[in-house]
Amino acid sequence: MTNQEHEPLPDEERREFSAETGSLWRLTLTPLTWAMHLVLCYATISLACARQLFPVEVARLGLIGASVLALGFICWQGWRAVRQWNVLTTGVLTHPNGKAEDRHRFLGHAATLIAVISAIGTVYTTLPLLLLEGCR
């Protein structure tokens, strides 16, 4: 058997795609978490400040807790993506003659970068909660 890749059979293609489903979810989960966190923060603070439905301090503390949860989830997904990328054990960053395993690692690389961006966005969304005291 050679080391070259052959044209995949339909059954092999289905198996490969189903194996990559987790990678595709990992690509979308971290930015989705960031977006949900952003909407939650804006909606909660606007309800606390404009509608005065609950005290601002309660909203801040609750949102800081939600921020910790969001960052924890993003970091966990990022760590899983780093493990899929496998750069820590192989040390190989690029694969000029990409094979199926290299594409799998690329999805891990992309998910890692998206997780980093999502974590930075979540931190920047959380900073006003930590630095500002009231609604004015």
N, C-alpha and C. Protein backbone atom coordinates (compact mmCIF):
# COMPACT_ATOMS: atom_id res chain seq x y z
N MET A 1 0.85 -1.18 0.00
CA MET A 1 0.00 0.00 0.00
C MET A 1 0.89 1.24 0.00
N THR A 2 0.57 2.20 -0.83
CA THR A 2 1.38 3.40 -0.93
C THR A 2 0.90 4.44 0.06
N ASN A 3 1.69 5.47 0.20
CA ASN A 3 1.38 6.55 1.12
C ASN A 3 0.53 7.63 0.45
N GLN A 4 0.20 7.41 -0.83
CA GLN A 4 -0.60 8.39 -1.56
C GLN A 4 -2.07 8.18 -1.25
N GLU A 5 -2.80 9.27 -1.36
CA GLU A 5 -4.23 9.23 -1.08
C GLU A 5 -4.98 8.84 -2.35
N HIS A 6 -5.97 7.99 -2.22
CA HIS A 6 -6.77 7.58 -3.37
C HIS A 6 -8.10 8.32 -3.35
N GLU A 7 -8.80 8.25 -4.46
CA GLU A 7 -10.13 8.87 -4.54
C GLU A 7 -11.06 8.12 -3.57
N PRO A 8 -11.68 8.85 -2.63
CA PRO A 8 -12.48 8.15 -1.61
C PRO A 8 -13.75 7.52 -2.21
N LEU A 9 -14.07 6.37 -1.68
CA LEU A 9 -15.32 5.71 -2.04
C LEU A 9 -16.46 6.43 -1.33
N PRO A 10 -17.70 6.33 -1.84
CA PRO A 10 -18.82 7.05 -1.18
C PRO A 10 -18.95 6.73 0.30
N ASP A 11 -18.74 5.47 0.68
CA ASP A 11 -18.86 5.11 2.09
C ASP A 11 -17.74 5.74 2.91
N GLU A 12 -16.53 5.77 2.35
CA GLU A 12 -15.41 6.41 3.05
C GLU A 12 -15.65 7.91 3.21
N GLU A 13 -16.22 8.51 2.17
CA GLU A 13 -16.49 9.94 2.22
C GLU A 13 -17.51 10.26 3.31
N ARG A 14 -18.54 9.44 3.44
CA ARG A 14 -19.55 9.65 4.49
C ARG A 14 -18.93 9.50 5.88
N ARG A 15 -18.08 8.50 6.05
CA ARG A 15 -17.42 8.30 7.34
C ARG A 15 -16.50 9.47 7.68
N GLU A 16 -15.76 9.95 6.68
CA GLU A 16 -14.86 11.07 6.92
C GLU A 16 -15.64 12.32 7.30
N PHE A 17 -16.76 12.58 6.60
CA PHE A 17 -17.57 13.76 6.93
C PHE A 17 -18.18 13.64 8.32
N SER A 18 -18.66 12.46 8.67
CA SER A 18 -19.25 12.31 10.00
C SER A 18 -18.18 12.46 11.08
N ALA A 19 -16.95 12.09 10.78
CA ALA A 19 -15.86 12.28 11.76
C ALA A 19 -15.54 13.76 11.92
N GLU A 20 -15.72 14.55 10.87
CA GLU A 20 -15.42 15.97 10.93
C GLU A 20 -16.58 16.81 11.44
N THR A 21 -17.72 16.22 11.71
CA THR A 21 -18.86 16.96 12.21
C THR A 21 -18.53 17.66 13.52
N GLY A 22 -17.82 16.98 14.40
CA GLY A 22 -17.40 17.60 15.66
C GLY A 22 -16.51 18.80 15.43
N SER A 23 -15.63 18.71 14.43
CA SER A 23 -14.75 19.84 14.11
C SER A 23 -15.56 21.03 13.60
N LEU A 24 -16.55 20.75 12.79
CA LEU A 24 -17.37 21.84 12.26
C LEU A 24 -18.19 22.49 13.36
N TRP A 25 -18.67 21.70 14.31
CA TRP A 25 -19.38 22.28 15.45
C TRP A 25 -18.44 23.13 16.28
N ARG A 26 -17.22 22.64 16.46
CA ARG A 26 -16.24 23.37 17.25
C ARG A 26 -15.92 24.73 16.61
N LEU A 27 -15.97 24.78 15.29
CA LEU A 27 -15.74 26.05 14.59
C LEU A 27 -16.83 27.07 14.90
N THR A 28 -18.06 26.60 15.11
CA THR A 28 -19.18 27.53 15.30
C THR A 28 -19.54 27.77 16.76
N LEU A 29 -19.21 26.87 17.65
CA LEU A 29 -19.64 27.01 19.04
C LEU A 29 -19.02 28.20 19.76
N THR A 30 -17.74 28.44 19.54
CA THR A 30 -17.10 29.53 20.29
C THR A 30 -17.59 30.91 19.84
N PRO A 31 -17.72 31.20 18.53
CA PRO A 31 -18.27 32.51 18.19
C PRO A 31 -19.74 32.64 18.57
N LEU A 32 -20.46 31.52 18.55
CA LEU A 32 -21.86 31.56 18.98
C LEU A 32 -21.94 31.88 20.48
N THR A 33 -21.05 31.30 21.27
CA THR A 33 -21.01 31.59 22.70
C THR A 33 -20.70 33.07 22.93
N TRP A 34 -19.75 33.59 22.20
CA TRP A 34 -19.39 35.01 22.30
C TRP A 34 -20.59 35.88 21.95
N ALA A 35 -21.27 35.56 20.85
CA ALA A 35 -22.43 36.35 20.42
C ALA A 35 -23.56 36.29 21.45
N MET A 36 -23.83 35.11 21.99
CA MET A 36 -24.88 34.99 23.00
C MET A 36 -24.51 35.78 24.26
N HIS A 37 -23.24 35.74 24.63
CA HIS A 37 -22.77 36.50 25.79
C HIS A 37 -22.94 37.99 25.56
N LEU A 38 -22.61 38.46 24.37
CA LEU A 38 -22.74 39.87 24.03
C LEU A 38 -24.20 40.32 24.11
N VAL A 39 -25.10 39.55 23.53
CA VAL A 39 -26.53 39.89 23.57
C VAL A 39 -27.05 39.86 25.00
N LEU A 40 -26.64 38.85 25.77
CA LEU A 40 -27.06 38.75 27.16
C LEU A 40 -26.61 39.97 27.96
N CYS A 41 -25.36 40.39 27.77
CA CYS A 41 -24.84 41.55 28.51
C CYS A 41 -25.60 42.82 28.14
N TYR A 42 -25.77 43.08 26.86
CA TYR A 42 -26.45 44.30 26.44
C TYR A 42 -27.91 44.31 26.89
N ALA A 43 -28.59 43.17 26.74
CA ALA A 43 -30.00 43.11 27.11
C ALA A 43 -30.17 43.27 28.62
N THR A 44 -29.34 42.60 29.40
CA THR A 44 -29.47 42.66 30.85
C THR A 44 -29.20 44.05 31.38
N ILE A 45 -28.13 44.67 30.91
CA ILE A 45 -27.80 46.02 31.39
C ILE A 45 -28.85 47.03 30.93
N SER A 46 -29.36 46.87 29.72
CA SER A 46 -30.39 47.81 29.28
C SER A 46 -31.67 47.65 30.09
N LEU A 47 -32.02 46.42 30.45
CA LEU A 47 -33.19 46.21 31.29
C LEU A 47 -32.97 46.75 32.70
N ALA A 48 -31.75 46.64 33.20
CA ALA A 48 -31.46 47.13 34.55
C ALA A 48 -31.39 48.65 34.58
N CYS A 49 -30.84 49.25 33.54
CA CYS A 49 -30.66 50.71 33.55
C CYS A 49 -31.90 51.45 33.03
N ALA A 50 -32.38 51.07 31.88
CA ALA A 50 -33.48 51.81 31.26
C ALA A 50 -34.83 51.47 31.91
N ARG A 51 -35.08 50.21 32.13
CA ARG A 51 -36.37 49.79 32.69
C ARG A 51 -36.35 49.66 34.20
N GLN A 52 -35.16 49.61 34.76
CA GLN A 52 -34.97 49.45 36.20
C GLN A 52 -35.76 48.27 36.76
N LEU A 53 -35.66 47.14 36.05
CA LEU A 53 -36.35 45.93 36.49
C LEU A 53 -35.67 45.25 37.66
N PHE A 54 -34.38 45.47 37.81
CA PHE A 54 -33.62 44.91 38.93
C PHE A 54 -32.41 45.79 39.14
N PRO A 55 -31.78 45.69 40.31
CA PRO A 55 -30.62 46.55 40.61
C PRO A 55 -29.45 46.28 39.66
N VAL A 56 -28.74 47.33 39.35
CA VAL A 56 -27.60 47.23 38.43
C VAL A 56 -26.51 46.34 39.01
N GLU A 57 -26.31 46.43 40.32
CA GLU A 57 -25.25 45.61 40.94
C GLU A 57 -25.56 44.12 40.81
N VAL A 58 -26.82 43.75 40.94
CA VAL A 58 -27.21 42.35 40.75
C VAL A 58 -26.95 41.92 39.31
N ALA A 59 -27.28 42.80 38.36
CA ALA A 59 -27.04 42.50 36.94
C ALA A 59 -25.54 42.33 36.67
N ARG A 60 -24.74 43.22 37.23
CA ARG A 60 -23.29 43.15 37.03
C ARG A 60 -22.73 41.83 37.57
N LEU A 61 -23.11 41.48 38.77
CA LEU A 61 -22.59 40.24 39.36
C LEU A 61 -23.03 39.01 38.57
N GLY A 62 -24.28 39.00 38.16
CA GLY A 62 -24.78 37.89 37.36
C GLY A 62 -24.07 37.78 36.02
N LEU A 63 -23.83 38.93 35.39
CA LEU A 63 -23.15 38.93 34.10
C LEU A 63 -21.67 38.57 34.23
N ILE A 64 -21.05 38.94 35.33
CA ILE A 64 -19.66 38.53 35.54
C ILE A 64 -19.60 37.01 35.69
N GLY A 65 -20.57 36.44 36.39
CA GLY A 65 -20.65 34.98 36.48
C GLY A 65 -20.88 34.34 35.13
N ALA A 66 -21.77 34.93 34.32
CA ALA A 66 -22.02 34.41 32.96
C ALA A 66 -20.77 34.54 32.10
N SER A 67 -20.00 35.60 32.33
CA SER A 67 -18.76 35.80 31.58
C SER A 67 -17.74 34.71 31.91
N VAL A 68 -17.65 34.38 33.18
CA VAL A 68 -16.72 33.32 33.59
C VAL A 68 -17.13 31.99 32.95
N LEU A 69 -18.43 31.71 32.94
CA LEU A 69 -18.91 30.48 32.31
C LEU A 69 -18.62 30.48 30.81
N ALA A 70 -18.89 31.60 30.14
CA ALA A 70 -18.65 31.69 28.70
C ALA A 70 -17.17 31.51 28.39
N LEU A 71 -16.30 32.19 29.16
CA LEU A 71 -14.86 32.05 28.93
C LEU A 71 -14.39 30.63 29.22
N GLY A 72 -14.94 30.01 30.23
CA GLY A 72 -14.59 28.63 30.52
C GLY A 72 -14.95 27.69 29.38
N PHE A 73 -16.15 27.88 28.83
CA PHE A 73 -16.59 27.05 27.71
C PHE A 73 -15.73 27.30 26.48
N ILE A 74 -15.43 28.57 26.19
CA ILE A 74 -14.61 28.90 25.03
C ILE A 74 -13.20 28.32 25.20
N CYS A 75 -12.63 28.42 26.38
CA CYS A 75 -11.29 27.86 26.62
C CYS A 75 -11.30 26.35 26.49
N TRP A 76 -12.33 25.70 26.98
CA TRP A 76 -12.44 24.24 26.86
C TRP A 76 -12.50 23.83 25.39
N GLN A 77 -13.33 24.53 24.61
CA GLN A 77 -13.42 24.21 23.18
C GLN A 77 -12.10 24.53 22.47
N GLY A 78 -11.45 25.60 22.89
CA GLY A 78 -10.16 25.94 22.31
C GLY A 78 -9.11 24.88 22.60
N TRP A 79 -9.11 24.35 23.83
CA TRP A 79 -8.17 23.30 24.19
C TRP A 79 -8.42 22.04 23.37
N ARG A 80 -9.69 21.72 23.16
CA ARG A 80 -10.02 20.55 22.33
C ARG A 80 -9.55 20.77 20.90
N ALA A 81 -9.66 22.01 20.41
CA ALA A 81 -9.21 22.33 19.06
C ALA A 81 -7.69 22.24 18.95
N VAL A 82 -6.96 22.68 19.97
CA VAL A 82 -5.50 22.57 19.97
C VAL A 82 -5.09 21.11 19.93
N ARG A 83 -5.79 20.29 20.68
CA ARG A 83 -5.48 18.85 20.68
C ARG A 83 -5.75 18.24 19.31
N GLN A 84 -6.82 18.68 18.65
CA GLN A 84 -7.12 18.18 17.31
C GLN A 84 -6.08 18.67 16.31
N TRP A 85 -5.65 19.90 16.44
CA TRP A 85 -4.62 20.47 15.57
C TRP A 85 -3.34 19.67 15.67
N ASN A 86 -3.02 19.19 16.88
CA ASN A 86 -1.90 18.29 17.14
C ASN A 86 -0.54 18.94 16.88
N VAL A 87 -0.47 20.25 16.96
CA VAL A 87 0.80 20.93 16.71
C VAL A 87 1.75 20.77 17.90
N LEU A 88 1.21 20.53 19.07
CA LEU A 88 2.06 20.40 20.26
C LEU A 88 2.91 19.14 20.21
N THR A 89 2.40 18.07 19.61
CA THR A 89 3.16 16.83 19.56
C THR A 89 3.94 16.67 18.26
N THR A 90 3.38 17.17 17.15
CA THR A 90 4.07 17.00 15.88
C THR A 90 5.03 18.14 15.57
N GLY A 91 4.70 19.36 15.99
CA GLY A 91 5.53 20.51 15.68
C GLY A 91 5.40 20.98 14.25
N VAL A 92 4.52 20.35 13.48
CA VAL A 92 4.34 20.69 12.07
C VAL A 92 3.20 21.68 11.94
N LEU A 93 3.50 22.85 11.37
CA LEU A 93 2.48 23.89 11.21
C LEU A 93 1.79 23.83 9.86
N THR A 94 2.50 23.44 8.81
CA THR A 94 1.92 23.41 7.48
C THR A 94 2.10 22.03 6.85
N HIS A 95 1.21 21.72 5.92
CA HIS A 95 1.25 20.45 5.21
C HIS A 95 1.02 20.75 3.72
N PRO A 96 2.10 20.89 2.94
CA PRO A 96 1.94 21.26 1.54
C PRO A 96 1.19 20.22 0.71
N ASN A 97 1.36 18.96 1.01
CA ASN A 97 0.63 17.90 0.29
C ASN A 97 -0.44 17.35 1.22
N GLY A 98 -1.51 18.11 1.39
CA GLY A 98 -2.52 17.78 2.38
C GLY A 98 -3.24 16.47 2.11
N LYS A 99 -3.43 15.73 3.17
CA LYS A 99 -4.21 14.49 3.14
C LYS A 99 -5.38 14.65 4.08
N ALA A 100 -6.18 13.63 4.23
CA ALA A 100 -7.37 13.72 5.07
C ALA A 100 -7.02 14.10 6.50
N GLU A 101 -5.96 13.52 7.05
CA GLU A 101 -5.56 13.84 8.42
C GLU A 101 -5.10 15.29 8.53
N ASP A 102 -4.45 15.79 7.48
CA ASP A 102 -4.02 17.18 7.49
C ASP A 102 -5.21 18.13 7.46
N ARG A 103 -6.24 17.77 6.71
CA ARG A 103 -7.46 18.59 6.70
C ARG A 103 -8.12 18.57 8.07
N HIS A 104 -8.08 17.43 8.73
CA HIS A 104 -8.63 17.31 10.09
C HIS A 104 -7.86 18.24 11.03
N ARG A 105 -6.55 18.27 10.90
CA ARG A 105 -5.74 19.15 11.73
C ARG A 105 -5.98 20.62 11.40
N PHE A 106 -6.20 20.91 10.11
CA PHE A 106 -6.48 22.29 9.73
C PHE A 106 -7.76 22.80 10.39
N LEU A 107 -8.79 21.94 10.44
CA LEU A 107 -10.02 22.35 11.12
C LEU A 107 -9.75 22.62 12.60
N GLY A 108 -8.87 21.85 13.20
CA GLY A 108 -8.48 22.12 14.58
C GLY A 108 -7.74 23.44 14.71
N HIS A 109 -6.89 23.74 13.74
CA HIS A 109 -6.15 25.00 13.73
C HIS A 109 -7.12 26.17 13.60
N ALA A 110 -8.05 26.08 12.66
CA ALA A 110 -9.03 27.15 12.48
C ALA A 110 -9.89 27.33 13.72
N ALA A 111 -10.32 26.22 14.32
CA ALA A 111 -11.14 26.31 15.53
C ALA A 111 -10.36 26.92 16.68
N THR A 112 -9.06 26.65 16.75
CA THR A 112 -8.22 27.26 17.79
C THR A 112 -8.18 28.76 17.63
N LEU A 113 -7.95 29.22 16.42
CA LEU A 113 -7.88 30.66 16.17
C LEU A 113 -9.22 31.34 16.44
N ILE A 114 -10.31 30.71 16.06
CA ILE A 114 -11.64 31.28 16.31
C ILE A 114 -11.92 31.31 17.81
N ALA A 115 -11.48 30.30 18.54
CA ALA A 115 -11.67 30.30 19.99
C ALA A 115 -10.89 31.44 20.64
N VAL A 116 -9.68 31.71 20.16
CA VAL A 116 -8.90 32.83 20.70
C VAL A 116 -9.61 34.15 20.44
N ILE A 117 -10.09 34.34 19.23
CA ILE A 117 -10.82 35.57 18.89
C ILE A 117 -12.08 35.70 19.74
N SER A 118 -12.80 34.60 19.93
CA SER A 118 -14.02 34.64 20.74
C SER A 118 -13.71 34.95 22.20
N ALA A 119 -12.62 34.40 22.71
CA ALA A 119 -12.24 34.69 24.10
C ALA A 119 -11.88 36.17 24.26
N ILE A 120 -11.15 36.72 23.30
CA ILE A 120 -10.81 38.14 23.36
C ILE A 120 -12.08 39.00 23.30
N GLY A 121 -13.00 38.65 22.43
CA GLY A 121 -14.27 39.39 22.35
C GLY A 121 -15.07 39.31 23.63
N THR A 122 -15.08 38.15 24.25
CA THR A 122 -15.81 37.99 25.51
C THR A 122 -15.16 38.82 26.61
N VAL A 123 -13.84 38.85 26.65
CA VAL A 123 -13.15 39.65 27.66
C VAL A 123 -13.46 41.14 27.45
N TYR A 124 -13.43 41.59 26.21
CA TYR A 124 -13.72 43.00 25.95
C TYR A 124 -15.17 43.35 26.25
N THR A 125 -16.07 42.42 26.07
CA THR A 125 -17.47 42.65 26.45
C THR A 125 -17.62 42.73 27.96
N THR A 126 -16.79 42.00 28.69
CA THR A 126 -16.87 41.95 30.15
C THR A 126 -16.19 43.14 30.82
N LEU A 127 -15.23 43.76 30.17
CA LEU A 127 -14.48 44.86 30.80
C LEU A 127 -15.37 45.98 31.34
N PRO A 128 -16.39 46.46 30.63
CA PRO A 128 -17.24 47.50 31.22
C PRO A 128 -17.93 47.06 32.51
N LEU A 129 -18.25 45.76 32.61
CA LEU A 129 -18.87 45.26 33.84
C LEU A 129 -17.92 45.39 35.02
N LEU A 130 -16.65 45.24 34.75
CA LEU A 130 -15.65 45.30 35.82
C LEU A 130 -15.22 46.74 36.13
N LEU A 131 -15.25 47.61 35.13
CA LEU A 131 -14.68 48.95 35.30
C LEU A 131 -15.70 50.03 35.59
N LEU A 132 -16.94 49.85 35.14
CA LEU A 132 -17.96 50.89 35.34
C LEU A 132 -18.87 50.50 36.49
N GLU A 133 -19.34 51.51 37.22
CA GLU A 133 -20.14 51.22 38.41
C GLU A 133 -21.64 51.39 38.22
N GLY A 134 -22.06 52.32 37.42
CA GLY A 134 -23.50 52.58 37.33
C GLY A 134 -23.95 52.70 35.88
N CYS A 135 -25.14 53.23 35.75
CA CYS A 135 -25.76 53.35 34.43
C CYS A 135 -25.40 54.65 33.71
N ARG A 136 -24.85 55.60 34.40
CA ARG A 136 -24.63 56.91 33.75
C ARG A 136 -23.41 56.97 33.00
